[in-house]
N, C-alpha and C. Protein backbone atom coordinates (compact mmCIF):
# COMPACT_ATOMS: atom_id res chain seq x y z
N MET A 1 138.36 47.23 148.60
CA MET A 1 137.11 46.38 149.47
C MET A 1 137.26 45.40 148.39
N PRO A 2 137.31 43.60 148.70
CA PRO A 2 136.71 43.08 147.31
C PRO A 2 135.40 43.02 147.09
N ALA A 3 135.61 42.56 145.66
CA ALA A 3 134.15 42.50 144.87
C ALA A 3 133.44 41.49 145.34
N SER A 4 132.26 41.40 145.05
CA SER A 4 131.06 40.36 145.43
C SER A 4 130.57 39.63 144.76
N ILE A 5 130.97 38.01 145.57
CA ILE A 5 130.62 36.89 144.48
C ILE A 5 129.20 36.33 144.58
N SER A 6 128.61 36.32 143.75
CA SER A 6 127.31 35.21 143.56
C SER A 6 128.04 33.95 143.15
N VAL A 7 127.83 32.72 143.70
CA VAL A 7 128.19 31.33 143.61
C VAL A 7 126.84 30.85 143.41
N ILE A 8 126.80 30.42 141.83
CA ILE A 8 125.88 29.86 141.15
C ILE A 8 126.04 27.88 141.04
N LEU A 9 125.14 27.59 141.54
CA LEU A 9 125.04 25.91 141.31
C LEU A 9 123.55 25.69 140.64
N PRO A 10 123.59 25.07 139.47
CA PRO A 10 122.67 24.41 139.10
C PRO A 10 122.53 23.51 139.33
N THR A 11 121.57 22.57 139.66
CA THR A 11 121.62 21.22 140.10
C THR A 11 120.05 20.58 139.68
N TYR A 12 120.73 19.17 140.08
CA TYR A 12 119.48 18.30 139.34
C TYR A 12 119.76 16.89 139.61
N ARG A 13 118.35 16.55 140.39
CA ARG A 13 118.60 14.88 141.16
C ARG A 13 119.67 14.75 141.89
N ARG A 14 120.24 15.92 142.73
CA ARG A 14 121.18 15.76 143.82
C ARG A 14 120.51 15.74 145.03
N GLU A 15 121.23 15.06 145.96
CA GLU A 15 120.54 14.99 147.49
C GLU A 15 121.88 15.19 148.92
N ARG A 16 122.17 14.16 149.36
CA ARG A 16 122.90 14.50 150.08
C ARG A 16 123.94 15.20 149.79
N VAL A 17 124.99 14.69 148.57
CA VAL A 17 126.15 15.84 148.42
C VAL A 17 125.66 17.10 147.86
N LEU A 18 124.64 17.36 147.16
CA LEU A 18 124.62 19.12 147.10
C LEU A 18 124.55 19.59 148.41
N VAL A 19 123.85 18.86 149.44
CA VAL A 19 123.56 19.62 150.84
C VAL A 19 125.55 19.36 151.24
N GLU A 20 125.89 18.90 150.88
CA GLU A 20 127.36 18.98 151.30
C GLU A 20 128.14 19.74 151.02
N THR A 21 128.21 19.91 149.53
CA THR A 21 128.61 20.85 148.95
C THR A 21 128.27 22.34 148.95
N LEU A 22 127.16 22.50 149.49
CA LEU A 22 126.62 24.04 149.84
C LEU A 22 127.31 23.99 151.35
N ARG A 23 127.34 23.14 152.21
CA ARG A 23 127.91 23.23 153.58
C ARG A 23 129.70 23.59 153.93
N ALA A 24 130.39 23.03 152.56
CA ALA A 24 131.36 23.11 151.95
C ALA A 24 132.19 24.72 151.58
N LEU A 25 130.79 24.94 150.98
CA LEU A 25 131.45 26.33 150.76
C LEU A 25 130.81 27.64 151.49
N GLU A 26 129.87 27.57 152.40
CA GLU A 26 129.31 28.71 153.38
C GLU A 26 130.68 29.29 154.06
N PRO A 27 131.85 28.62 154.70
CA PRO A 27 132.34 29.22 155.31
C PRO A 27 133.38 30.39 154.65
N GLN A 28 133.33 30.56 153.10
CA GLN A 28 133.97 31.00 152.26
C GLN A 28 133.62 32.45 151.53
N LEU A 29 132.31 32.72 152.04
CA LEU A 29 131.58 33.77 151.67
C LEU A 29 131.85 34.97 152.44
N PHE A 30 131.91 36.00 151.69
CA PHE A 30 132.61 37.11 152.37
C PHE A 30 131.01 38.00 152.82
N PRO A 31 131.09 39.05 153.26
CA PRO A 31 130.34 40.17 153.60
C PRO A 31 129.74 40.27 151.77
N GLY A 32 128.44 40.33 151.74
CA GLY A 32 128.11 40.53 150.41
C GLY A 32 128.17 39.43 149.21
N ASP A 33 128.62 38.14 149.58
CA ASP A 33 128.86 37.11 148.71
C ASP A 33 127.38 36.70 148.71
N GLU A 34 126.95 35.65 147.31
CA GLU A 34 125.89 34.63 148.14
C GLU A 34 125.98 33.48 147.33
N ILE A 35 125.31 32.77 147.72
CA ILE A 35 125.41 31.21 146.69
C ILE A 35 123.56 31.18 146.32
N LEU A 36 123.61 30.60 145.18
CA LEU A 36 122.26 30.94 144.31
C LEU A 36 121.82 29.89 143.80
N VAL A 37 121.28 28.64 144.12
CA VAL A 37 120.77 27.45 144.21
C VAL A 37 119.94 26.83 142.84
N ILE A 38 119.81 27.06 141.79
CA ILE A 38 119.28 26.87 140.53
C ILE A 38 118.50 25.43 140.79
N ASP A 39 117.17 24.94 141.57
CA ASP A 39 116.88 23.95 141.73
C ASP A 39 115.99 23.11 140.67
N GLN A 40 116.85 22.07 139.84
CA GLN A 40 115.49 21.31 138.66
C GLN A 40 115.20 20.25 139.06
N THR A 41 115.38 19.65 140.40
CA THR A 41 115.01 18.21 140.70
C THR A 41 113.65 18.52 141.13
N PRO A 42 112.50 17.20 140.67
CA PRO A 42 111.20 17.87 140.84
C PRO A 42 110.74 17.18 142.12
N ARG A 43 111.88 16.24 143.03
CA ARG A 43 110.96 16.26 144.15
C ARG A 43 112.33 15.70 144.93
N HIS A 44 112.59 16.29 146.10
CA HIS A 44 113.97 15.92 147.19
C HIS A 44 113.72 15.19 147.82
N GLU A 45 114.56 14.55 148.33
CA GLU A 45 114.04 13.68 149.65
C GLU A 45 113.71 14.71 150.82
N PRO A 46 113.09 13.91 151.72
CA PRO A 46 112.93 14.55 153.10
C PRO A 46 113.87 15.63 153.74
N GLU A 47 115.15 14.71 153.73
CA GLU A 47 115.95 15.29 154.54
C GLU A 47 117.12 16.24 153.88
N THR A 48 116.97 16.04 152.47
CA THR A 48 117.44 17.21 151.44
C THR A 48 116.72 18.70 151.47
N GLU A 49 115.06 18.39 151.37
CA GLU A 49 114.04 19.10 151.59
C GLU A 49 114.56 20.07 152.64
N ALA A 50 114.51 19.50 153.85
CA ALA A 50 114.73 20.22 155.00
C ALA A 50 116.09 21.10 155.12
N ALA A 51 117.18 20.05 154.73
CA ALA A 51 118.28 21.22 154.81
C ALA A 51 118.53 22.25 153.86
N LEU A 52 117.88 22.11 152.88
CA LEU A 52 117.79 23.56 151.95
C LEU A 52 116.46 24.21 152.34
N CYS A 53 115.72 23.85 153.14
CA CYS A 53 114.49 24.86 153.62
C CYS A 53 115.45 25.67 154.60
N GLN A 54 116.16 25.00 155.60
CA GLN A 54 116.81 25.66 156.97
C GLN A 54 117.56 26.28 156.27
N MET A 55 118.64 26.05 154.96
CA MET A 55 119.61 27.15 154.73
C MET A 55 118.92 28.19 154.04
N ALA A 56 118.00 28.17 153.48
CA ALA A 56 117.33 29.65 153.06
C ALA A 56 116.98 30.19 153.79
N SER A 57 116.42 29.78 154.91
CA SER A 57 115.69 30.69 155.79
C SER A 57 116.59 31.10 156.77
N ARG A 58 117.85 30.70 156.85
CA ARG A 58 118.71 31.83 157.58
C ARG A 58 119.41 32.27 156.36
N GLY A 59 119.30 32.59 155.16
CA GLY A 59 119.99 33.09 153.96
C GLY A 59 121.35 32.86 153.64
N THR A 60 121.55 31.94 153.81
CA THR A 60 122.74 31.07 153.35
C THR A 60 122.91 30.75 151.90
N ILE A 61 121.68 30.59 151.24
CA ILE A 61 121.33 29.99 149.99
C ILE A 61 119.86 31.00 149.62
N ARG A 62 120.09 31.40 148.14
CA ARG A 62 119.28 31.84 147.99
C ARG A 62 118.58 30.45 146.84
N TRP A 63 117.29 30.10 147.33
CA TRP A 63 116.78 28.75 146.40
C TRP A 63 115.91 29.12 145.01
N HIS A 64 116.21 28.91 144.21
CA HIS A 64 115.32 29.40 142.85
C HIS A 64 114.77 27.93 142.08
N ARG A 65 113.83 27.64 142.36
CA ARG A 65 113.07 26.31 141.61
C ARG A 65 112.82 26.27 140.30
N LYS A 66 113.13 25.97 139.34
CA LYS A 66 112.64 25.87 138.30
C LYS A 66 112.32 24.23 137.80
N THR A 67 110.99 24.06 136.70
CA THR A 67 110.47 23.08 136.26
C THR A 67 111.39 22.24 134.94
N LYS A 68 111.98 22.83 134.16
CA LYS A 68 112.49 22.49 133.43
C LYS A 68 114.10 22.21 133.09
N PRO A 69 114.52 21.01 133.53
CA PRO A 69 115.92 20.91 133.52
C PRO A 69 116.28 21.05 132.47
N SER A 70 117.89 22.10 132.45
CA SER A 70 118.69 22.60 131.56
C SER A 70 119.80 22.97 132.20
N GLN A 71 120.90 22.78 131.99
CA GLN A 71 122.27 23.23 132.63
C GLN A 71 122.56 24.45 132.23
N THR A 72 122.58 24.81 130.85
CA THR A 72 122.73 26.31 130.31
C THR A 72 121.50 27.24 131.00
N GLU A 73 120.13 27.12 130.63
CA GLU A 73 119.51 27.67 130.76
C GLU A 73 119.52 27.95 132.24
N ALA A 74 119.58 27.00 133.22
CA ALA A 74 119.80 27.44 134.77
C ALA A 74 120.87 27.74 134.91
N MET A 75 122.33 28.53 134.21
CA MET A 75 123.12 29.31 134.77
C MET A 75 123.14 30.32 134.20
N ASN A 76 122.46 30.90 133.31
CA ASN A 76 121.52 32.27 132.87
C ASN A 76 120.45 32.69 133.73
N VAL A 77 119.76 31.63 134.27
CA VAL A 77 118.58 32.14 134.99
C VAL A 77 119.43 32.98 136.56
N GLY A 78 120.86 31.73 136.91
CA GLY A 78 121.16 32.13 137.96
C GLY A 78 122.17 33.55 137.60
N ALA A 79 122.52 33.46 136.73
CA ALA A 79 123.20 35.34 136.53
C ALA A 79 122.29 36.58 136.22
N ARG A 80 121.22 36.00 135.94
CA ARG A 80 120.23 37.15 136.27
C ARG A 80 119.62 37.69 137.53
N LEU A 81 119.79 36.67 138.26
CA LEU A 81 119.34 36.92 139.80
C LEU A 81 120.02 37.39 140.56
N ALA A 82 121.70 36.82 139.82
CA ALA A 82 122.46 37.39 141.01
C ALA A 82 122.62 38.97 141.19
N LYS A 83 123.46 39.26 142.58
CA LYS A 83 123.85 40.20 143.20
C LYS A 83 124.89 40.81 142.67
N GLY A 84 125.80 40.00 143.01
CA GLY A 84 127.06 39.84 143.12
C GLY A 84 127.86 40.68 141.55
N ALA A 85 128.91 41.33 142.03
CA ALA A 85 129.83 41.98 140.51
C ALA A 85 130.81 40.75 139.82
N LEU A 86 130.61 39.81 140.83
CA LEU A 86 131.24 38.51 139.88
C LEU A 86 130.34 37.32 140.32
N LEU A 87 130.54 36.29 139.20
CA LEU A 87 129.67 35.29 139.10
C LEU A 87 130.66 34.61 138.88
N LEU A 88 130.39 33.06 139.64
CA LEU A 88 131.30 32.00 140.07
C LEU A 88 130.43 31.03 140.00
N PHE A 89 130.37 29.90 139.03
CA PHE A 89 129.91 28.78 138.62
C PHE A 89 130.35 27.50 139.21
N LEU A 90 129.48 26.89 139.84
CA LEU A 90 129.97 25.34 140.39
C LEU A 90 129.19 24.20 139.93
N ASP A 91 129.97 23.38 139.83
CA ASP A 91 128.79 21.87 139.85
C ASP A 91 128.33 21.82 141.56
N ASP A 92 127.72 20.83 141.26
CA ASP A 92 126.46 20.48 142.83
C ASP A 92 127.12 19.22 143.43
N ASP A 93 128.35 18.64 142.92
CA ASP A 93 128.63 17.77 143.16
C ASP A 93 130.34 17.83 143.73
N ILE A 94 130.88 18.58 144.82
CA ILE A 94 132.14 18.94 144.24
C ILE A 94 132.56 18.94 146.32
N THR A 95 133.88 18.60 146.24
CA THR A 95 134.22 19.22 147.20
C THR A 95 135.57 20.62 146.81
N PRO A 96 135.47 21.53 147.58
CA PRO A 96 136.28 22.66 147.14
C PRO A 96 137.20 22.97 148.19
N SER A 97 138.30 23.39 147.45
CA SER A 97 139.32 23.77 148.01
C SER A 97 138.98 24.66 149.22
N GLU A 98 139.91 25.59 150.10
CA GLU A 98 139.26 26.21 151.27
C GLU A 98 139.90 27.91 150.51
N GLY A 99 140.47 27.99 149.64
CA GLY A 99 141.11 29.27 148.87
C GLY A 99 140.12 29.10 147.63
N LEU A 100 139.34 28.65 147.46
CA LEU A 100 138.52 28.35 146.00
C LEU A 100 137.96 29.93 145.28
N LEU A 101 137.20 30.51 146.57
CA LEU A 101 136.48 31.69 146.21
C LEU A 101 137.27 32.82 146.51
N THR A 102 138.61 32.98 147.01
CA THR A 102 139.14 33.85 147.36
C THR A 102 140.07 34.06 145.94
N ALA A 103 140.52 32.65 145.47
CA ALA A 103 141.44 32.62 144.22
C ALA A 103 141.25 33.23 142.67
N HIS A 104 139.55 32.90 142.75
CA HIS A 104 139.09 33.74 141.53
C HIS A 104 138.59 34.59 142.26
N ARG A 105 138.29 35.48 143.04
CA ARG A 105 138.17 36.60 143.35
C ARG A 105 139.66 37.74 143.33
N ARG A 106 140.65 37.15 144.01
CA ARG A 106 141.99 37.79 143.69
C ARG A 106 142.34 38.01 141.87
N ALA A 107 141.94 36.78 140.84
CA ALA A 107 142.33 36.86 139.44
C ALA A 107 141.96 37.78 138.78
N LEU A 108 140.28 37.85 139.36
CA LEU A 108 139.70 39.26 138.56
C LEU A 108 139.60 40.33 138.79
N MET A 109 139.97 40.83 140.17
CA MET A 109 140.51 41.99 141.41
C MET A 109 141.51 42.30 140.47
N ASP A 110 142.71 41.38 140.72
CA ASP A 110 143.88 42.10 140.41
C ASP A 110 144.26 42.36 138.76
N ASP A 111 143.40 42.10 137.66
CA ASP A 111 143.30 42.47 136.22
C ASP A 111 141.91 42.76 136.11
N PRO A 112 141.84 43.74 136.14
CA PRO A 112 140.40 44.31 135.70
C PRO A 112 140.01 44.15 134.28
N THR A 113 140.50 43.62 133.25
CA THR A 113 140.78 43.23 131.68
C THR A 113 140.79 42.48 131.83
N LEU A 114 140.79 41.38 132.33
CA LEU A 114 140.53 39.58 132.81
C LEU A 114 138.89 39.02 132.44
N PRO A 115 139.19 38.67 131.44
CA PRO A 115 137.30 38.05 131.14
C PRO A 115 136.72 37.18 131.86
N ALA A 116 137.65 36.21 132.33
CA ALA A 116 137.05 35.28 133.12
C ALA A 116 138.02 34.29 133.35
N SER A 117 137.82 33.55 134.22
CA SER A 117 139.22 32.83 135.13
C SER A 117 138.41 31.57 135.86
N THR A 118 139.06 30.43 135.39
CA THR A 118 138.66 29.05 135.45
C THR A 118 139.93 28.50 136.57
N GLY A 119 139.10 27.51 137.25
CA GLY A 119 140.09 26.95 137.85
C GLY A 119 140.48 25.03 137.73
N GLN A 120 141.52 24.58 138.67
CA GLN A 120 141.85 23.32 138.49
C GLN A 120 140.55 22.35 139.34
N VAL A 121 140.41 21.26 138.40
CA VAL A 121 139.18 20.37 138.41
C VAL A 121 140.29 18.92 138.84
N PHE A 122 139.94 18.48 139.80
CA PHE A 122 140.42 16.67 140.18
C PHE A 122 139.24 15.97 139.81
N GLN A 123 139.06 15.14 138.93
CA GLN A 123 138.38 14.16 138.22
C GLN A 123 138.51 12.81 139.68
N PRO A 124 137.81 11.58 139.62
CA PRO A 124 137.98 11.06 140.31
C PRO A 124 139.48 10.18 139.72
N TRP A 125 139.75 10.05 138.48
CA TRP A 125 141.00 9.63 138.20
C TRP A 125 142.30 10.33 138.41
N ASN A 126 142.11 11.42 138.93
CA ASN A 126 143.32 12.53 139.49
C ASN A 126 143.55 12.36 140.82
N PRO A 127 144.68 11.26 140.78
CA PRO A 127 145.20 11.43 142.03
C PRO A 127 146.02 12.97 142.82
N GLY A 128 146.36 13.60 141.76
CA GLY A 128 147.03 14.65 142.30
C GLY A 128 146.95 15.59 140.86
N PRO A 129 148.10 17.17 141.00
CA PRO A 129 147.93 17.52 139.62
C PRO A 129 149.01 16.59 138.58
N VAL A 130 148.38 17.37 137.04
CA VAL A 130 149.53 16.61 136.19
C VAL A 130 150.47 18.14 135.84
N GLU A 131 151.36 17.44 135.07
CA GLU A 131 152.61 18.17 134.67
C GLU A 131 152.62 18.85 133.58
N ARG A 132 151.58 18.23 132.99
CA ARG A 132 151.52 18.25 130.91
C ARG A 132 150.10 18.49 130.83
N VAL A 133 150.10 19.17 129.75
CA VAL A 133 149.18 19.14 128.70
C VAL A 133 148.65 18.73 127.35
N ILE A 134 147.92 18.23 126.41
CA ILE A 134 147.85 18.34 125.04
C ILE A 134 148.23 19.53 124.49
N ASP A 135 146.96 20.47 125.07
CA ASP A 135 147.08 21.60 124.42
C ASP A 135 146.58 22.49 125.51
N TYR A 136 146.61 23.56 124.63
CA TYR A 136 145.56 25.16 125.69
C TYR A 136 144.32 25.39 125.60
N GLY A 137 143.76 24.22 124.37
CA GLY A 137 142.18 24.51 124.13
C GLY A 137 140.96 23.06 124.59
N LEU A 138 140.97 22.15 123.32
CA LEU A 138 140.44 21.25 124.35
C LEU A 138 140.79 20.06 124.30
N GLY A 139 141.91 19.98 123.90
CA GLY A 139 142.58 18.98 124.77
C GLY A 139 143.36 19.27 126.03
N PHE A 140 142.85 20.33 126.71
CA PHE A 140 143.28 20.69 128.04
C PHE A 140 143.10 19.36 129.01
N ASP A 141 143.99 19.77 130.44
CA ASP A 141 143.84 18.68 131.30
C ASP A 141 143.80 19.84 132.60
N PHE A 142 142.13 20.18 133.37
CA PHE A 142 142.08 20.96 133.90
C PHE A 142 143.02 20.45 135.38
N ALA A 143 143.28 19.55 135.37
CA ALA A 143 144.34 18.61 136.75
C ALA A 143 145.72 19.65 136.67
N PHE A 144 145.80 20.31 135.92
CA PHE A 144 147.37 21.11 135.38
C PHE A 144 147.81 21.78 136.75
N ASP A 145 149.01 22.09 136.87
CA ASP A 145 149.50 22.58 137.99
C ASP A 145 150.31 23.93 137.89
N ARG A 146 149.98 24.73 136.91
CA ARG A 146 150.57 25.82 136.45
C ARG A 146 149.38 26.76 135.77
N PRO A 147 149.74 27.88 136.44
CA PRO A 147 148.93 29.21 135.65
C PRO A 147 149.13 29.19 134.16
N CYS A 148 148.13 29.12 133.33
CA CYS A 148 148.22 29.72 132.12
C CYS A 148 147.03 30.64 131.09
N GLU A 149 147.01 30.68 130.08
CA GLU A 149 145.42 31.08 129.27
C GLU A 149 145.17 30.08 128.09
N LEU A 150 144.20 29.74 128.37
CA LEU A 150 143.11 29.07 127.75
C LEU A 150 142.07 29.44 126.93
N LEU A 151 141.98 28.61 125.63
CA LEU A 151 141.08 29.02 125.10
C LEU A 151 139.82 27.77 125.15
N SER A 152 139.60 27.81 126.48
CA SER A 152 138.82 26.54 127.21
C SER A 152 138.34 26.66 127.98
N LEU A 153 137.27 26.47 129.09
CA LEU A 153 136.87 26.55 130.37
C LEU A 153 136.07 25.40 130.83
N MET A 154 136.53 25.25 132.19
CA MET A 154 135.40 24.38 132.86
C MET A 154 133.89 24.36 133.27
N ALA A 155 133.03 24.52 133.00
CA ALA A 155 131.89 25.18 133.12
C ALA A 155 131.56 24.56 134.86
N GLY A 156 132.08 24.00 135.35
CA GLY A 156 131.91 23.69 136.79
C GLY A 156 132.59 24.35 137.90
N ASN A 157 133.48 25.04 137.10
CA ASN A 157 134.46 25.90 138.08
C ASN A 157 135.14 27.02 137.23
N PHE A 158 134.52 27.99 136.85
CA PHE A 158 134.70 29.26 136.31
C PHE A 158 133.86 30.58 136.69
N ALA A 159 134.41 31.73 136.54
CA ALA A 159 133.90 33.21 137.03
C ALA A 159 134.32 34.05 135.92
N MET A 160 133.56 34.95 135.92
CA MET A 160 133.50 36.28 135.53
C MET A 160 132.54 37.31 135.83
N PRO A 161 133.19 38.51 135.37
CA PRO A 161 132.05 39.57 135.75
C PRO A 161 130.94 39.66 135.20
N ARG A 162 130.05 39.77 136.18
CA ARG A 162 128.66 39.83 135.97
C ARG A 162 127.64 40.25 134.53
N ASP A 163 128.31 41.65 134.52
CA ASP A 163 128.11 42.47 133.40
C ASP A 163 128.62 42.05 131.87
N LEU A 164 129.82 41.39 132.21
CA LEU A 164 130.81 40.81 130.93
C LEU A 164 129.69 39.53 130.36
N TYR A 165 129.53 38.64 131.71
CA TYR A 165 128.65 37.25 131.01
C TYR A 165 127.53 37.89 130.35
N LEU A 166 126.74 38.88 131.05
CA LEU A 166 125.51 38.79 130.28
C LEU A 166 125.84 39.82 128.78
N ALA A 167 126.59 40.61 128.44
CA ALA A 167 126.99 41.08 127.51
C ALA A 167 127.56 40.65 126.08
N VAL A 168 128.24 38.99 126.79
CA VAL A 168 128.35 38.24 125.60
C VAL A 168 127.54 37.14 125.21
N GLY A 169 126.60 37.35 126.35
CA GLY A 169 125.44 36.36 125.75
C GLY A 169 124.89 35.29 126.92
N GLY A 170 125.52 35.31 127.75
CA GLY A 170 125.36 33.83 128.43
C GLY A 170 125.95 32.66 127.87
N MET A 171 125.83 31.68 128.24
CA MET A 171 125.58 30.13 127.85
C MET A 171 124.45 30.33 126.91
N ASP A 172 125.12 29.39 125.66
CA ASP A 172 124.34 29.04 124.54
C ASP A 172 122.90 28.15 125.24
N GLU A 173 121.97 28.30 125.01
CA GLU A 173 120.96 27.18 125.26
C GLU A 173 120.28 26.15 124.53
N ASN A 174 121.32 26.66 123.31
CA ASN A 174 120.84 25.80 122.67
C ASN A 174 122.00 24.62 122.37
N PHE A 175 122.88 24.09 123.57
CA PHE A 175 123.09 23.43 124.02
C PHE A 175 121.87 22.40 124.83
N GLN A 176 121.87 20.88 124.85
CA GLN A 176 120.48 20.46 125.30
C GLN A 176 121.50 18.99 126.23
N GLY A 177 120.66 18.20 126.83
CA GLY A 177 121.21 17.05 127.21
C GLY A 177 122.29 17.46 127.97
N ASN A 178 123.57 16.40 127.70
CA ASN A 178 124.64 16.72 128.56
C ASN A 178 125.31 17.97 128.08
N ASN A 179 125.12 18.40 127.10
CA ASN A 179 125.45 19.90 126.65
C ASN A 179 126.97 19.72 126.41
N TYR A 180 127.74 18.56 125.86
CA TYR A 180 128.98 18.60 125.64
C TYR A 180 129.44 19.97 125.27
N ARG A 181 130.42 20.67 125.76
CA ARG A 181 131.49 21.41 125.00
C ARG A 181 130.66 23.03 124.99
N ASN A 182 129.68 22.48 125.70
CA ASN A 182 128.86 24.01 125.99
C ASN A 182 129.89 25.10 126.62
N ASP A 183 130.51 24.60 127.47
CA ASP A 183 131.75 25.49 127.93
C ASP A 183 132.88 25.68 127.24
N ALA A 184 133.44 25.48 126.23
CA ALA A 184 134.45 25.63 125.63
C ALA A 184 134.06 26.68 124.14
N GLU A 185 132.85 26.52 124.34
CA GLU A 185 131.99 27.63 122.88
C GLU A 185 131.91 28.60 123.73
N MET A 186 131.70 28.73 125.09
CA MET A 186 131.25 29.82 125.46
C MET A 186 133.10 30.60 126.08
N ALA A 187 133.85 29.99 125.79
CA ALA A 187 135.26 30.78 125.73
C ALA A 187 135.73 31.32 124.41
N HIS A 188 135.23 29.98 123.64
CA HIS A 188 135.74 30.86 121.84
C HIS A 188 134.92 32.26 121.73
N ARG A 189 133.60 32.23 122.59
CA ARG A 189 133.09 33.64 122.56
C ARG A 189 133.17 34.73 123.05
N ILE A 190 133.90 34.51 124.18
CA ILE A 190 134.89 35.42 125.29
C ILE A 190 135.52 35.96 124.24
N PHE A 191 136.38 35.15 123.80
CA PHE A 191 137.81 35.62 123.30
C PHE A 191 137.66 36.38 121.93
N ARG A 192 136.29 36.13 121.32
CA ARG A 192 135.79 36.75 119.91
C ARG A 192 135.33 38.06 120.55
N GLY A 193 135.01 38.15 121.54
CA GLY A 193 133.95 39.84 122.11
C GLY A 193 135.08 40.35 123.07
N THR A 194 136.42 39.63 123.30
CA THR A 194 137.39 40.59 123.94
C THR A 194 138.70 40.80 123.62
N GLY A 195 138.99 39.77 123.17
CA GLY A 195 140.29 39.44 122.34
C GLY A 195 141.68 39.02 123.37
N ARG A 196 140.65 38.63 124.52
CA ARG A 196 141.40 37.77 125.49
C ARG A 196 141.16 36.52 125.86
N LYS A 197 142.07 35.73 126.46
CA LYS A 197 141.74 33.91 126.94
C LYS A 197 141.26 34.20 128.16
N VAL A 198 140.84 33.03 128.41
CA VAL A 198 140.51 32.83 129.94
C VAL A 198 141.74 32.14 130.75
N LEU A 199 141.98 32.87 131.76
CA LEU A 199 143.13 32.69 132.72
C LEU A 199 142.65 31.21 133.37
N PHE A 200 143.58 29.85 133.44
CA PHE A 200 143.70 29.22 134.39
C PHE A 200 144.34 29.37 135.38
N VAL A 201 143.32 29.35 136.45
CA VAL A 201 143.99 29.66 137.91
C VAL A 201 144.33 27.94 138.98
N PRO A 202 145.17 27.83 139.10
CA PRO A 202 144.94 26.35 140.13
C PRO A 202 145.11 26.39 141.27
N GLY A 203 145.10 27.71 141.66
CA GLY A 203 144.84 27.84 143.43
C GLY A 203 143.69 27.79 143.44
N ALA A 204 142.45 28.20 142.07
CA ALA A 204 140.60 27.73 142.52
C ALA A 204 140.80 26.48 142.08
N THR A 205 140.57 25.63 143.32
CA THR A 205 140.71 23.91 143.01
C THR A 205 139.90 23.14 143.71
N LEU A 206 138.94 22.43 143.01
CA LEU A 206 138.02 21.46 143.54
C LEU A 206 138.34 20.14 143.44
N ARG A 207 137.71 19.29 144.06
CA ARG A 207 137.87 17.82 143.53
C ARG A 207 136.25 17.67 143.20
N HIS A 208 135.81 17.36 142.22
CA HIS A 208 134.74 16.77 141.41
C HIS A 208 134.28 15.53 141.93
N LEU A 209 132.82 15.18 142.23
CA LEU A 209 132.94 13.81 142.85
C LEU A 209 131.94 12.78 141.70
N LEU A 210 131.43 13.98 140.52
CA LEU A 210 130.91 12.81 139.72
C LEU A 210 130.07 11.66 140.43
N ALA A 211 128.91 12.51 141.21
CA ALA A 211 127.93 11.16 141.68
C ALA A 211 127.11 11.44 141.15
N GLY A 212 126.32 10.34 141.45
CA GLY A 212 124.62 10.17 140.14
C GLY A 212 123.63 11.01 140.06
N GLY A 213 123.55 11.15 139.10
CA GLY A 213 122.51 12.49 138.94
C GLY A 213 123.00 13.16 138.30
N GLY A 214 122.21 14.68 138.28
CA GLY A 214 123.02 15.59 137.71
C GLY A 214 123.02 15.66 136.44
N ASN A 215 123.83 16.30 135.61
CA ASN A 215 123.70 16.92 134.27
C ASN A 215 123.49 15.60 133.32
N ARG A 216 124.39 14.86 133.67
CA ARG A 216 124.24 13.34 132.56
C ARG A 216 123.33 12.69 132.91
N ALA A 217 122.05 13.03 133.66
CA ALA A 217 121.21 12.24 134.45
C ALA A 217 119.71 12.67 133.29
C-alpha cells in the first residue's frame, strides 16, 4: 500500500494562481493523501475566497489560516498538522507535472533510508531541461535532467518522511523575509543528522510561474 502524502502549500497574497495550482494537484491525490493550505493572506479577492471555501467544504483541501506571514513557520505549521506519512512541500504558483506526487512517493518508498527527495523545477527562464550543472550544492540548477545526490534542495518542491522532518527540527524559523538559502541550510542539517544527501528526482517535475506576491512580497 502506498504511503500517504500530505501536500503542504504555504501561501501569501496569491489569488487565481493559487486556485489553479490546487486544481492541478487534486487529480494526483491517492486515498489517504491530503492538501494543506497554510494561508497567510490577510484578505482574498471574493472569487478566490469562494473557490477555497468550496474546496475546503468538499474536503479537497484543509485550509489553515495564520496572520503572521513566514514561509518557514508556515511549513512547520503544516508539518505539525499533517496526517500523511510523507510531507511534500510545494510553492503556490506552479504547474505540476502529472507524475509529480507519484515520483516523490516512489523515491521515498523504494529506499526507506532515503531522507528526502527534491524535484525538477523549471523557472520562467528554463525552456527545458539542462544537461550540465556547476556543482551539486549551492550552484545546482534544478532544471537538471538526471538523478543525482545533492547537498541542497528546493523548498518549493521537496518531500521527506514526516517523522524525520520533525526529528531534524523542521525549517529554521530564524530565516525571515525572502528566506534566502533556508532550503540549503535544511539540506545540510539533513546530511549532518542522517549521513545521507538529498536525492534529486527529475521525474518530480513542475514549472514555477514566479507570479506576483508570494514569499518575495
